[in-house]
Structure formats: C-alpha cells, structure tokens
Amino acid sequence: MADTRVSLCGIELDNPVIPASGTFGFGYEFSEWYDINILGSISLKGTTKDPRFGNPTPRIAECASGMLNAVGLQNPGVDKVISEEIPKLQKCYRKGVMANISGFSVEEYVDVSKKFDAVPCVSFLEINISCPNVHGGGMSFGTSPESAYAVTKAVKAVTHKPVIVKLSPNVTSITDMAKACEQGGADGISLINTFLGMRIDLRTRRPVLKNNTGGLSGPCIFPLALRMVCDVSRSVRIPVVGMGGIMTAEDVLEMMMAGATAVEVGAANLTDPCACKKIIEDLPEAMDKYGIGSLSELSRGFSLWEKT
C-alpha cells in the first residue's frame, strides 16, 4: 500500500498536500465541502500585525492557464486571527497548521511571530518576505539577501517553532535568497510566490487590475516553479516546500522529484474547492503507477541526481 506520509521540519504529515495561503481562507470555510482533516496541513491566510482591507477592486483578473491577483493581504489582523479565526478552524480541524506571516518592517514580523508562537495548534511559521520593507525605501524583503537574512534571524530569535521562509520568484537569484535565509536560521524554504504580471482592457485601454499589476499563478507557472524548486533544493540543506501551478497528483510527484518535501496547492482551490481532496485521493494510484512505494523515497530526490 502506498505510504503518503512525509516529515517536514521534523513534524510528520499524513501526506504532503497543504492548501496555499490566500487560497483557502482560514480553512474552516472549506469544511462544508469535505472533511479537511485529510489535508497534510493548512497554510492560513496571510496575516499582518494590524487589520488590512486590501487593495481596491477589481483585484482579480483571468488569463490563459492562470490568474492575476492583487488582493493586498486583506486580513483582520493577528489578534483577531488568533481569537476568532483559529478557534473556528479548531472546531473542524484537529491537526497543526501553518501560520503565514507578513510584515512591513522587521519589528512587525517579530511581533506577529511572537503571538503565533504562543498558539498551540500552530506547528509552523511561514514567513512571507514578499512584502515591502518600509524602512528600506519600499523594496521587498524578498529581493535583498541581507534583508531576508535579517528577517529570518529576528523571527528565529522569538520562536521555538519551525520557521519556513516563503520566497518570491521576482529576483535575480532565488538560490542566493534561499541561502541567506538558511544562514539566518530558517528551518525550511517555501517557493514560489507569484510572478508579477498585468492585463490591459482593450476597451478602456487601461490595466484590468486597479492596482495595475498583480501576482500570476496557476498551471502556466508550474514549469518555472519546478525549475526554481530544483535549484533551491540543490543549494540548501533544509527542506523545501514546493508550490506554483500544482493541479494534479502527478504534479505533486514531479515537484517532489525536483526536491520538495511537501507541496502547497494554490490557484486550483479557487477553481475547484475540492481540488486538494481530489489530489490526495489520487496520490496512491499515481504512486502505484510510477512504482513509488513511499513518498519519503522522493524527499530531496534531485539532490541525488548528477548535474548535467
């Protein structure tokens, strides 16, 4: 019988499938569709220190084989997430979750991380460093190795939980970013976040999104994500969580063969609320088809390959 269990940062998951932050709300919303306890874990909606309304609409745009979003981290703030959203989730989900944390300064990342560190059901802290550094002229923390290192080190100093840093693909060298996070003490790396893109309405001759640009996700970015996961998994010694256009159980296997220990499924949840359920149910059959007895066989699989 196929063994779908994986170990992420020392924590065993029943399977490697995790709904990606921003595509699954706070989890309990999906419990009306299926028993969400089949999931490996859940990456909660991105959370900041203070409540955020997000960007003005329209902030979603469709495109071939994908979508653009410029939601702008809409969330009720960390205090309400802990006092209201997580208790709702715990009524229908018994496993540990991944808190996705965003900030606009190192201090904000630290403050939010401290609060989630005290929440028993939070197993991992996923640190999204794609946010603007307000003390660095607006540049994203995730585009500067020095800033990425600083955020990682500061967060690690205030938590005993595994810290997984989420990387943006909109950089010159994603491996340099991953190495900086590893040096800062990260326990894992997750990638990739969305690619920056835009659409133009031919009738109005203006961008479709009110924010002009947004993040591109969906199956169109899968080959790009796979290549970056491969590169990062071969450049660091810590686990990698792969994401970017995963739609099927076969995509999961491919991502793990590239070096991912676990995966996050994003845009697929927005087109089919049962996407993760179907992927998990299809995994054993896909493993049998390709002669894979245990997913642990594939963990960091690409590190065993010779460079060509």
C-alpha atoms as a PDB file:
ATOM      1  CA  MET A   1       0.000   0.000   0.000  1.00  0.00           C
ATOM      2  CA  ALA A   2       1.328   3.445  -0.942  1.00  0.00           C
ATOM      3  CA  ASP A   3       2.723   5.418   2.009  1.00  0.00           C
ATOM      4  CA  THR A   4       1.930   9.129   1.574  1.00  0.00           C
ATOM      5  CA  ARG A   5       3.475  10.290   4.858  1.00  0.00           C
ATOM      6  CA  VAL A   6       6.252  12.883   4.860  1.00  0.00           C
ATOM      7  CA  SER A   7       8.286  14.591   7.569  1.00  0.00           C
ATOM      8  CA  LEU A   8       8.519  18.382   7.292  1.00  0.00           C
ATOM      9  CA  CYS A   9      10.982  20.075   9.650  1.00  0.00           C
ATOM     10  CA  GLY A  10      10.685  17.087  11.982  1.00  0.00           C
ATOM     11  CA  ILE A  11       6.869  17.078  12.010  1.00  0.00           C
ATOM     12  CA  GLU A  12       5.112  14.127  10.361  1.00  0.00           C
ATOM     13  CA  LEU A  13       2.268  14.880   7.958  1.00  0.00           C
ATOM     14  CA  ASP A  14      -0.202  12.276   6.695  1.00  0.00           C
ATOM     15  CA  ASN A  15       0.507  13.490   3.180  1.00  0.00           C
ATOM     16  CA  PRO A  16       2.449  16.381   1.589  1.00  0.00           C
ATOM     17  CA  VAL A  17      -0.591  18.364   0.371  1.00  0.00           C
ATOM     18  CA  ILE A  18      -1.088  21.783   2.004  1.00  0.00           C
ATOM     19  CA  PRO A  19      -3.521  24.423   0.701  1.00  0.00           C
ATOM     20  CA  ALA A  20      -1.500  27.563  -0.023  1.00  0.00           C
ATOM     21  CA  SER A  21      -2.000  30.771   1.910  1.00  0.00           C
ATOM     22  CA  GLY A  22      -4.520  33.125   0.405  1.00  0.00           C
ATOM     23  CA  THR A  23      -6.375  30.396  -1.493  1.00  0.00           C
ATOM     24  CA  PHE A  24      -8.048  28.557   1.393  1.00  0.00           C
ATOM     25  CA  GLY A  25      -9.161  31.306   3.746  1.00  0.00           C
ATOM     26  CA  PHE A  26      -8.697  30.203   7.352  1.00  0.00           C
ATOM     27  CA  GLY A  27      -9.619  26.648   6.432  1.00  0.00           C
ATOM     28  CA  TYR A  28     -12.980  26.178   8.105  1.00  0.00           C
ATOM     29  CA  GLU A  29     -14.746  27.723   5.100  1.00  0.00           C
ATOM     30  CA  PHE A  30     -13.922  24.560   3.116  1.00  0.00           C
ATOM     31  CA  SER A  31     -15.225  22.138   5.750  1.00  0.00           C
ATOM     32  CA  GLU A  32     -18.689  22.299   4.175  1.00  0.00           C
ATOM     33  CA  TRP A  33     -17.245  20.697   1.042  1.00  0.00           C
ATOM     34  CA  TYR A  34     -15.290  17.823   2.616  1.00  0.00           C
ATOM     35  CA  ASP A  35     -13.523  16.609   5.760  1.00  0.00           C
ATOM     36  CA  ILE A  36     -10.492  18.891   5.749  1.00  0.00           C
ATOM     37  CA  ASN A  37      -8.681  16.578   8.177  1.00  0.00           C
ATOM     38  CA  ILE A  38      -7.457  14.648   5.152  1.00  0.00           C
ATOM     39  CA  LEU A  39      -5.066  17.550   4.419  1.00  0.00           C
ATOM     40  CA  GLY A  40      -1.416  17.350   5.389  1.00  0.00           C
ATOM     41  CA  SER A  41      -1.704  20.789   6.965  1.00  0.00           C
ATOM     42  CA  ILE A  42      -3.181  24.198   6.100  1.00  0.00           C
ATOM     43  CA  SER A  43      -1.310  27.427   5.397  1.00  0.00           C
ATOM     44  CA  LEU A  44      -3.581  30.092   6.853  1.00  0.00           C
ATOM     45  CA  LYS A  45      -4.490  33.308   5.087  1.00  0.00           C
ATOM     46  CA  GLY A  46      -1.611  35.791   5.201  1.00  0.00           C
ATOM     47  CA  THR A  47      -1.694  37.685   8.492  1.00  0.00           C
ATOM     48  CA  THR A  48      -0.275  41.068   9.442  1.00  0.00           C
ATOM     49  CA  LYS A  49       0.030  42.906  12.743  1.00  0.00           C
ATOM     50  CA  ASP A  50      -2.875  45.243  12.027  1.00  0.00           C
ATOM     51  CA  PRO A  51      -6.102  44.669  10.052  1.00  0.00           C
ATOM     52  CA  ARG A  52      -5.888  45.326   6.323  1.00  0.00           C
ATOM     53  CA  PHE A  53      -8.742  45.980   3.930  1.00  0.00           C
ATOM     54  CA  GLY A  54      -6.587  45.132   0.942  1.00  0.00           C
ATOM     55  CA  ASN A  55      -6.350  46.749  -2.475  1.00  0.00           C
ATOM     56  CA  PRO A  56      -9.303  48.380  -4.266  1.00  0.00           C
ATOM     57  CA  THR A  57     -11.269  46.325  -6.783  1.00  0.00           C
ATOM     58  CA  PRO A  58     -11.019  44.936  -9.356  1.00  0.00           C
ATOM     59  CA  ARG A  59      -8.191  42.870  -7.929  1.00  0.00           C
ATOM     60  CA  ILE A  60      -8.615  39.550  -9.770  1.00  0.00           C
ATOM     61  CA  ALA A  61      -8.048  39.014 -13.489  1.00  0.00           C
ATOM     62  CA  GLU A  62      -8.178  35.822 -15.524  1.00  0.00           C
ATOM     63  CA  CYS A  63      -5.586  34.889 -18.114  1.00  0.00           C
ATOM     64  CA  ALA A  64      -4.684  31.846 -20.171  1.00  0.00           C
ATOM     65  CA  SER A  65      -3.907  28.903 -17.856  1.00  0.00           C
ATOM     66  CA  GLY A  66      -3.823  31.088 -14.782  1.00  0.00           C
ATOM     67  CA  MET A  67      -4.943  34.200 -12.961  1.00  0.00           C
ATOM     68  CA  LEU A  68      -3.663  37.503 -11.622  1.00  0.00           C
ATOM     69  CA  ASN A  69      -4.417  38.715  -8.138  1.00  0.00           C
ATOM     70  CA  ALA A  70      -3.712  41.923  -6.276  1.00  0.00           C
ATOM     71  CA  VAL A  71      -5.745  41.283  -3.134  1.00  0.00           C
ATOM     72  CA  GLY A  72      -3.282  43.164  -0.957  1.00  0.00           C
ATOM     73  CA  LEU A  73      -3.108  40.952   2.149  1.00  0.00           C
ATOM     74  CA  GLN A  74      -6.674  41.562   3.276  1.00  0.00           C
ATOM     75  CA  ASN A  75      -6.971  40.129   6.797  1.00  0.00           C
ATOM     76  CA  PRO A  76      -8.405  41.042  10.212  1.00  0.00           C
ATOM     77  CA  GLY A  77      -5.019  41.343  11.925  1.00  0.00           C
ATOM     78  CA  VAL A  78      -3.170  38.828  14.090  1.00  0.00           C
ATOM     79  CA  ASP A  79      -5.171  39.370  17.289  1.00  0.00           C
ATOM     80  CA  LYS A  80      -8.493  38.545  15.637  1.00  0.00           C
ATOM     81  CA  VAL A  81      -6.996  35.661  13.692  1.00  0.00           C
ATOM     82  CA  ILE A  82      -5.899  34.106  16.977  1.00  0.00           C
ATOM     83  CA  SER A  83      -9.028  34.958  18.982  1.00  0.00           C
ATOM     84  CA  GLU A  84     -11.691  34.353  16.309  1.00  0.00           C
ATOM     85  CA  GLU A  85     -10.498  32.586  13.159  1.00  0.00           C
ATOM     86  CA  ILE A  86      -8.330  29.830  14.630  1.00  0.00           C
ATOM     87  CA  PRO A  87     -10.987  28.758  17.185  1.00  0.00           C
ATOM     88  CA  LYS A  88     -13.454  28.366  14.301  1.00  0.00           C
ATOM     89  CA  LEU A  89     -10.939  26.198  12.471  1.00  0.00           C
ATOM     90  CA  GLN A  90     -10.258  24.054  15.532  1.00  0.00           C
ATOM     91  CA  LYS A  91     -13.919  23.069  15.644  1.00  0.00           C
ATOM     92  CA  CYS A  92     -13.484  21.129  12.403  1.00  0.00           C
ATOM     93  CA  TYR A  93      -9.727  20.525  12.069  1.00  0.00           C
ATOM     94  CA  ARG A  94      -7.608  18.610  14.563  1.00  0.00           C
ATOM     95  CA  LYS A  95      -4.137  18.893  13.013  1.00  0.00           C
ATOM     96  CA  GLY A  96      -1.420  21.513  13.279  1.00  0.00           C
ATOM     97  CA  VAL A  97      -1.480  24.467  10.914  1.00  0.00           C
ATOM     98  CA  MET A  98       0.993  26.796   9.244  1.00  0.00           C
ATOM     99  CA  ALA A  99       0.647  30.478  10.144  1.00  0.00           C
ATOM    100  CA  ASN A 100       1.521  32.667   7.162  1.00  0.00           C
ATOM    101  CA  ILE A 101       3.048  35.929   8.381  1.00  0.00           C
ATOM    102  CA  SER A 102       3.608  39.197   6.529  1.00  0.00           C
ATOM    103  CA  GLY A 103       5.037  42.479   7.734  1.00  0.00           C
ATOM    104  CA  PHE A 104       6.242  45.876   6.627  1.00  0.00           C
ATOM    105  CA  SER A 105       9.221  46.029   8.975  1.00  0.00           C
ATOM    106  CA  VAL A 106      11.363  43.522  10.854  1.00  0.00           C
ATOM    107  CA  GLU A 107       9.611  44.582  14.044  1.00  0.00           C
ATOM    108  CA  GLU A 108       6.193  43.673  12.618  1.00  0.00           C
ATOM    109  CA  TYR A 109       7.388  40.229  11.577  1.00  0.00           C
ATOM    110  CA  VAL A 110       8.744  39.695  15.078  1.00  0.00           C
ATOM    111  CA  ASP A 111       5.573  40.905  16.818  1.00  0.00           C
ATOM    112  CA  VAL A 112       3.273  38.664  14.770  1.00  0.00           C
ATOM    113  CA  SER A 113       5.624  35.681  15.090  1.00  0.00           C
ATOM    114  CA  LYS A 114       5.704  36.039  18.873  1.00  0.00           C
ATOM    115  CA  LYS A 115       1.917  35.889  19.026  1.00  0.00           C
ATOM    116  CA  PHE A 116       1.608  32.844  16.784  1.00  0.00           C
ATOM    117  CA  ASP A 117       4.405  31.112  18.695  1.00  0.00           C
ATOM    118  CA  ALA A 118       2.080  31.012  21.706  1.00  0.00           C
ATOM    119  CA  VAL A 119      -0.742  29.285  19.790  1.00  0.00           C
ATOM    120  CA  PRO A 120      -0.587  25.503  20.402  1.00  0.00           C
ATOM    121  CA  CYS A 121      -2.180  24.412  17.116  1.00  0.00           C
ATOM    122  CA  VAL A 122       0.308  26.427  15.035  1.00  0.00           C
ATOM    123  CA  SER A 123       3.019  23.954  14.033  1.00  0.00           C
ATOM    124  CA  PHE A 124       4.953  26.094  11.542  1.00  0.00           C
ATOM    125  CA  LEU A 125       5.561  29.774  10.878  1.00  0.00           C
ATOM    126  CA  GLU A 126       5.628  30.558   7.143  1.00  0.00           C
ATOM    127  CA  ILE A 127       7.311  33.933   6.742  1.00  0.00           C
ATOM    128  CA  ASN A 128       6.254  35.699   3.552  1.00  0.00           C
ATOM    129  CA  ILE A 129       9.098  38.049   2.640  1.00  0.00           C
ATOM    130  CA  SER A 130       7.473  39.441  -0.496  1.00  0.00           C
ATOM    131  CA  CYS A 131       6.184  42.476   1.420  1.00  0.00           C
ATOM    132  CA  PRO A 132       7.654  45.977   1.049  1.00  0.00           C
ATOM    133  CA  ASN A 133      10.320  46.950   3.570  1.00  0.00           C
ATOM    134  CA  VAL A 134       9.054  50.344   4.742  1.00  0.00           C
ATOM    135  CA  HIS A 135      12.424  51.093   6.316  1.00  0.00           C
ATOM    136  CA  GLY A 136      14.251  50.233   3.110  1.00  0.00           C
ATOM    137  CA  GLY A 137      12.560  52.527   0.621  1.00  0.00           C
ATOM    138  CA  GLY A 138       9.749  50.129  -0.238  1.00  0.00           C
ATOM    139  CA  MET A 139      11.929  47.330  -1.607  1.00  0.00           C
ATOM    140  CA  SER A 140      10.602  43.867  -0.835  1.00  0.00           C
ATOM    141  CA  PHE A 141      12.436  41.973   1.900  1.00  0.00           C
ATOM    142  CA  GLY A 142      12.488  39.078  -0.539  1.00  0.00           C
ATOM    143  CA  THR A 143      14.620  40.848  -3.141  1.00  0.00           C
ATOM    144  CA  SER A 144      17.583  41.514  -0.855  1.00  0.00           C
ATOM    145  CA  PRO A 145      19.609  38.662   0.692  1.00  0.00           C
ATOM    146  CA  GLU A 146      20.637  40.974   3.514  1.00  0.00           C
ATOM    147  CA  SER A 147      17.020  41.837   4.363  1.00  0.00           C
ATOM    148  CA  ALA A 148      15.926  38.210   4.061  1.00  0.00           C
ATOM    149  CA  TYR A 149      18.693  37.191   6.444  1.00  0.00           C
ATOM    150  CA  ALA A 150      17.737  39.921   8.915  1.00  0.00           C
ATOM    151  CA  VAL A 151      14.045  38.976   8.978  1.00  0.00           C
ATOM    152  CA  THR A 152      14.800  35.270   9.319  1.00  0.00           C
ATOM    153  CA  LYS A 153      17.286  35.768  12.139  1.00  0.00           C
ATOM    154  CA  ALA A 154      14.954  38.121  14.025  1.00  0.00           C
ATOM    155  CA  VAL A 155      11.992  35.735  13.790  1.00  0.00           C
ATOM    156  CA  LYS A 156      14.071  32.704  14.798  1.00  0.00           C
ATOM    157  CA  ALA A 157      15.083  34.552  17.963  1.00  0.00           C
ATOM    158  CA  VAL A 158      11.476  34.741  19.204  1.00  0.00           C
ATOM    159  CA  THR A 159      10.051  31.321  18.334  1.00  0.00           C
ATOM    160  CA  HIS A 160      10.747  27.680  19.048  1.00  0.00           C
ATOM    161  CA  LYS A 161       8.614  26.555  16.119  1.00  0.00           C
ATOM    162  CA  PRO A 162       9.943  25.692  12.649  1.00  0.00           C
ATOM    163  CA  VAL A 163      10.382  28.794  10.505  1.00  0.00           C
ATOM    164  CA  ILE A 164       9.740  28.317   6.784  1.00  0.00           C
ATOM    165  CA  VAL A 165      10.556  31.361   4.663  1.00  0.00           C
ATOM    166  CA  LYS A 166       8.431  31.913   1.552  1.00  0.00           C
ATOM    167  CA  LEU A 167      10.362  33.287  -1.417  1.00  0.00           C
ATOM    168  CA  SER A 168       9.364  35.484  -4.326  1.00  0.00           C
ATOM    169  CA  PRO A 169      10.430  34.409  -7.841  1.00  0.00           C
ATOM    170  CA  ASN A 170      10.824  38.053  -8.863  1.00  0.00           C
ATOM    171  CA  VAL A 171      14.538  38.127  -8.087  1.00  0.00           C
ATOM    172  CA  THR A 172      17.820  37.796  -9.946  1.00  0.00           C
ATOM    173  CA  SER A 173      18.923  34.709  -7.999  1.00  0.00           C
ATOM    174  CA  ILE A 174      16.422  32.790  -5.905  1.00  0.00           C
ATOM    175  CA  THR A 175      19.177  30.472  -4.696  1.00  0.00           C
ATOM    176  CA  ASP A 176      21.021  33.429  -3.139  1.00  0.00           C
ATOM    177  CA  MET A 177      17.818  34.329  -1.301  1.00  0.00           C
ATOM    178  CA  ALA A 178      17.390  30.757  -0.058  1.00  0.00           C
ATOM    179  CA  LYS A 179      20.989  30.573   1.143  1.00  0.00           C
ATOM    180  CA  ALA A 180      20.600  33.863   3.020  1.00  0.00           C
ATOM    181  CA  CYS A 181      17.504  32.514   4.801  1.00  0.00           C
ATOM    182  CA  GLU A 182      19.302  29.284   5.656  1.00  0.00           C
ATOM    183  CA  GLN A 183      22.199  31.280   7.103  1.00  0.00           C
ATOM    184  CA  GLY A 184      19.677  33.290   9.113  1.00  0.00           C
ATOM    185  CA  GLY A 185      18.467  30.083  10.754  1.00  0.00           C
ATOM    186  CA  ALA A 186      15.458  29.113   8.614  1.00  0.00           C
ATOM    187  CA  ASP A 187      14.232  25.566   9.133  1.00  0.00           C
ATOM    188  CA  GLY A 188      12.750  25.386   5.640  1.00  0.00           C
ATOM    189  CA  ILE A 189      12.047  27.293   2.436  1.00  0.00           C
ATOM    190  CA  SER A 190       8.743  27.536   0.556  1.00  0.00           C
ATOM    191  CA  LEU A 191       8.573  28.650  -3.055  1.00  0.00           C
ATOM    192  CA  ILE A 192       7.430  30.080  -5.283  1.00  0.00           C
ATOM    193  CA  ASN A 193       5.175  33.023  -4.630  1.00  0.00           C
ATOM    194  CA  THR A 194       3.522  34.611  -7.671  1.00  0.00           C
ATOM    195  CA  PHE A 195       5.172  36.236 -10.681  1.00  0.00           C
ATOM    196  CA  LEU A 196       4.473  39.914 -11.285  1.00  0.00           C
ATOM    197  CA  GLY A 197       2.196  40.431 -14.291  1.00  0.00           C
ATOM    198  CA  MET A 198      -0.596  42.530 -15.765  1.00  0.00           C
ATOM    199  CA  ARG A 199      -3.521  42.566 -18.205  1.00  0.00           C
ATOM    200  CA  ILE A 200      -4.927  45.507 -20.209  1.00  0.00           C
ATOM    201  CA  ASP A 201      -8.590  46.031 -21.063  1.00  0.00           C
ATOM    202  CA  LEU A 202      -8.634  46.805 -24.804  1.00  0.00           C
ATOM    203  CA  ARG A 203     -11.897  48.748 -24.497  1.00  0.00           C
ATOM    204  CA  THR A 204     -10.766  51.101 -21.743  1.00  0.00           C
ATOM    205  CA  ARG A 205      -7.078  50.937 -22.685  1.00  0.00           C
ATOM    206  CA  ARG A 206      -6.268  50.675 -19.010  1.00  0.00           C
ATOM    207  CA  PRO A 207      -4.967  47.848 -16.808  1.00  0.00           C
ATOM    208  CA  VAL A 208      -7.659  45.384 -15.751  1.00  0.00           C
ATOM    209  CA  LEU A 209      -6.461  45.470 -12.144  1.00  0.00           C
ATOM    210  CA  LYS A 210      -6.980  48.649 -10.157  1.00  0.00           C
ATOM    211  CA  ASN A 211      -3.501  48.092  -8.755  1.00  0.00           C
ATOM    212  CA  ASN A 212      -2.196  47.901 -12.378  1.00  0.00           C
ATOM    213  CA  THR A 213      -0.145  44.772 -11.679  1.00  0.00           C
ATOM    214  CA  GLY A 214      -0.753  41.571  -9.776  1.00  0.00           C
ATOM    215  CA  GLY A 215       0.662  38.156  -9.000  1.00  0.00           C
ATOM    216  CA  LEU A 216       0.413  35.472 -11.684  1.00  0.00           C
ATOM    217  CA  SER A 217      -0.445  31.961 -10.504  1.00  0.00           C
ATOM    218  CA  GLY A 218      -1.924  28.778 -11.958  1.00  0.00           C
ATOM    219  CA  PRO A 219      -0.681  25.934 -14.164  1.00  0.00           C
ATOM    220  CA  CYS A 220       1.091  28.341 -16.518  1.00  0.00           C
ATOM    221  CA  ILE A 221       3.828  28.878 -13.911  1.00  0.00           C
ATOM    222  CA  PHE A 222       4.363  25.204 -12.999  1.00  0.00           C
ATOM    223  CA  PRO A 223       7.485  24.615 -15.160  1.00  0.00           C
ATOM    224  CA  LEU A 224       9.049  27.817 -13.803  1.00  0.00           C
ATOM    225  CA  ALA A 225       8.237  26.856 -10.220  1.00  0.00           C
ATOM    226  CA  LEU A 226       9.601  23.356 -10.772  1.00  0.00           C
ATOM    227  CA  ARG A 227      12.914  24.705 -12.032  1.00  0.00           C
ATOM    228  CA  MET A 228      13.260  27.062  -9.064  1.00  0.00           C
ATOM    229  CA  VAL A 229      12.383  24.338  -6.561  1.00  0.00           C
ATOM    230  CA  CYS A 230      15.015  22.157  -8.196  1.00  0.00           C
ATOM    231  CA  ASP A 231      17.656  24.895  -7.994  1.00  0.00           C
ATOM    232  CA  VAL A 232      16.896  25.792  -4.376  1.00  0.00           C
ATOM    233  CA  SER A 233      16.681  22.187  -3.149  1.00  0.00           C
ATOM    234  CA  ARG A 234      20.178  21.624  -4.520  1.00  0.00           C
ATOM    235  CA  SER A 235      21.602  24.771  -2.922  1.00  0.00           C
ATOM    236  CA  VAL A 236      20.385  24.411   0.685  1.00  0.00           C
ATOM    237  CA  ARG A 237      20.313  21.607   3.237  1.00  0.00           C
ATOM    238  CA  ILE A 238      16.924  22.464   4.748  1.00  0.00           C
ATOM    239  CA  PRO A 239      13.548  21.155   3.491  1.00  0.00           C
ATOM    240  CA  VAL A 240      11.766  22.826   0.586  1.00  0.00           C
ATOM    241  CA  VAL A 241       8.004  23.221   0.230  1.00  0.00           C
ATOM    242  CA  GLY A 242       7.217  23.491  -3.471  1.00  0.00           C
ATOM    243  CA  MET A 243       4.296  25.375  -4.984  1.00  0.00           C
ATOM    244  CA  GLY A 244       3.244  27.072  -8.187  1.00  0.00           C
ATOM    245  CA  GLY A 245       0.601  25.688 -10.532  1.00  0.00           C
ATOM    246  CA  ILE A 246       0.116  22.280  -8.922  1.00  0.00           C
ATOM    247  CA  MET A 247      -3.167  20.821 -10.193  1.00  0.00           C
ATOM    248  CA  THR A 248      -2.838  17.028 -10.034  1.00  0.00           C
ATOM    249  CA  ALA A 249      -1.305  14.175  -8.063  1.00  0.00           C
ATOM    250  CA  GLU A 250       1.228  13.774 -10.867  1.00  0.00           C
ATOM    251  CA  ASP A 251       2.258  17.402 -10.372  1.00  0.00           C
ATOM    252  CA  VAL A 252       2.872  16.622  -6.703  1.00  0.00           C
ATOM    253  CA  LEU A 253       5.148  13.717  -7.598  1.00  0.00           C
ATOM    254  CA  GLU A 254       7.014  15.826 -10.138  1.00  0.00           C
ATOM    255  CA  MET A 255       7.534  18.609  -7.598  1.00  0.00           C
ATOM    256  CA  MET A 256       8.828  16.126  -5.038  1.00  0.00           C
ATOM    257  CA  MET A 257      11.169  14.574  -7.598  1.00  0.00           C
ATOM    258  CA  ALA A 258      12.583  18.078  -8.064  1.00  0.00           C
ATOM    259  CA  GLY A 259      13.424  18.158  -4.365  1.00  0.00           C
ATOM    260  CA  ALA A 260      10.321  19.291  -2.480  1.00  0.00           C
ATOM    261  CA  THR A 261       9.498  17.595   0.823  1.00  0.00           C
ATOM    262  CA  ALA A 262       5.905  18.867   0.774  1.00  0.00           C
ATOM    263  CA  VAL A 263       3.789  20.971  -1.585  1.00  0.00           C
ATOM    264  CA  GLU A 264       1.238  23.754  -1.430  1.00  0.00           C
ATOM    265  CA  VAL A 265      -1.744  23.909  -3.769  1.00  0.00           C
ATOM    266  CA  GLY A 266      -2.962  27.415  -4.565  1.00  0.00           C
ATOM    267  CA  ALA A 267      -4.926  28.563  -7.612  1.00  0.00           C
ATOM    268  CA  ALA A 268      -6.529  25.130  -8.029  1.00  0.00           C
ATOM    269  CA  ASN A 269      -8.560  25.782  -4.853  1.00  0.00           C
ATOM    270  CA  LEU A 270     -10.091  28.868  -6.458  1.00  0.00           C
ATOM    271  CA  THR A 271     -11.403  26.947  -9.452  1.00  0.00           C
ATOM    272  CA  ASP A 272     -12.418  23.797  -7.562  1.00  0.00           C
ATOM    273  CA  PRO A 273     -12.946  23.860  -3.779  1.00  0.00           C
ATOM    274  CA  CYS A 274     -12.334  20.102  -3.713  1.00  0.00           C
ATOM    275  CA  ALA A 275      -9.013  20.291  -5.588  1.00  0.00           C
ATOM    276  CA  CYS A 276      -6.836  19.261  -2.625  1.00  0.00           C
ATOM    277  CA  LYS A 277      -9.210  16.424  -1.738  1.00  0.00           C
ATOM    278  CA  LYS A 278      -9.007  15.034  -5.276  1.00  0.00           C
ATOM    279  CA  ILE A 279      -5.214  15.307  -5.353  1.00  0.00           C
ATOM    280  CA  ILE A 280      -4.883  13.457  -2.038  1.00  0.00           C
ATOM    281  CA  GLU A 281      -7.293  10.738  -3.141  1.00  0.00           C
ATOM    282  CA  ASP A 282      -5.424  10.331  -6.453  1.00  0.00           C
ATOM    283  CA  LEU A 283      -1.955  10.162  -4.878  1.00  0.00           C
ATOM    284  CA  PRO A 284      -1.847   6.434  -4.031  1.00  0.00           C
ATOM    285  CA  GLU A 285      -2.888   5.438  -7.552  1.00  0.00           C
ATOM    286  CA  ALA A 286      -0.335   7.808  -9.099  1.00  0.00           C
ATOM    287  CA  MET A 287       2.364   6.399  -6.808  1.00  0.00           C
ATOM    288  CA  ASP A 288       1.481   2.847  -7.811  1.00  0.00           C
ATOM    289  CA  LYS A 289       1.542   3.813 -11.485  1.00  0.00           C
ATOM    290  CA  TYR A 290       5.124   5.061 -11.209  1.00  0.00           C
ATOM    291  CA  GLY A 291       6.389   2.434  -8.805  1.00  0.00           C
ATOM    292  CA  ILE A 292       6.664   4.670  -5.766  1.00  0.00           C
ATOM    293  CA  GLY A 293       6.066   2.802  -2.527  1.00  0.00           C
ATOM    294  CA  SER A 294       6.657   5.719  -0.176  1.00  0.00           C
ATOM    295  CA  LEU A 295       6.810   9.461  -0.737  1.00  0.00           C
ATOM    296  CA  SER A 296       9.773   9.614   1.623  1.00  0.00           C
ATOM    297  CA  GLU A 297      11.709   7.969  -1.235  1.00  0.00           C
ATOM    298  CA  LEU A 298      11.291  11.177  -3.222  1.00  0.00           C
ATOM    299  CA  SER A 299      12.288  13.612  -0.466  1.00  0.00           C
ATOM    300  CA  ARG A 300      15.096  15.822  -1.789  1.00  0.00           C
ATOM    301  CA  GLY A 301      15.224  13.454  -4.748  1.00  0.00           C
ATOM    302  CA  PHE A 302      17.007  15.870  -7.061  1.00  0.00           C
ATOM    303  CA  SER A 303      19.962  16.149  -4.690  1.00  0.00           C
ATOM    304  CA  LEU A 304      20.787  12.567  -5.711  1.00  0.00           C
ATOM    305  CA  TRP A 305      20.925  13.436  -9.389  1.00  0.00           C
ATOM    306  CA  GLU A 306      24.165  14.272 -11.114  1.00  0.00           C
ATOM    307  CA  LYS A 307      24.379  17.752 -12.598  1.00  0.00           C
ATOM    308  CA  THR A 308      24.159  17.736 -16.375  1.00  0.00           C
END
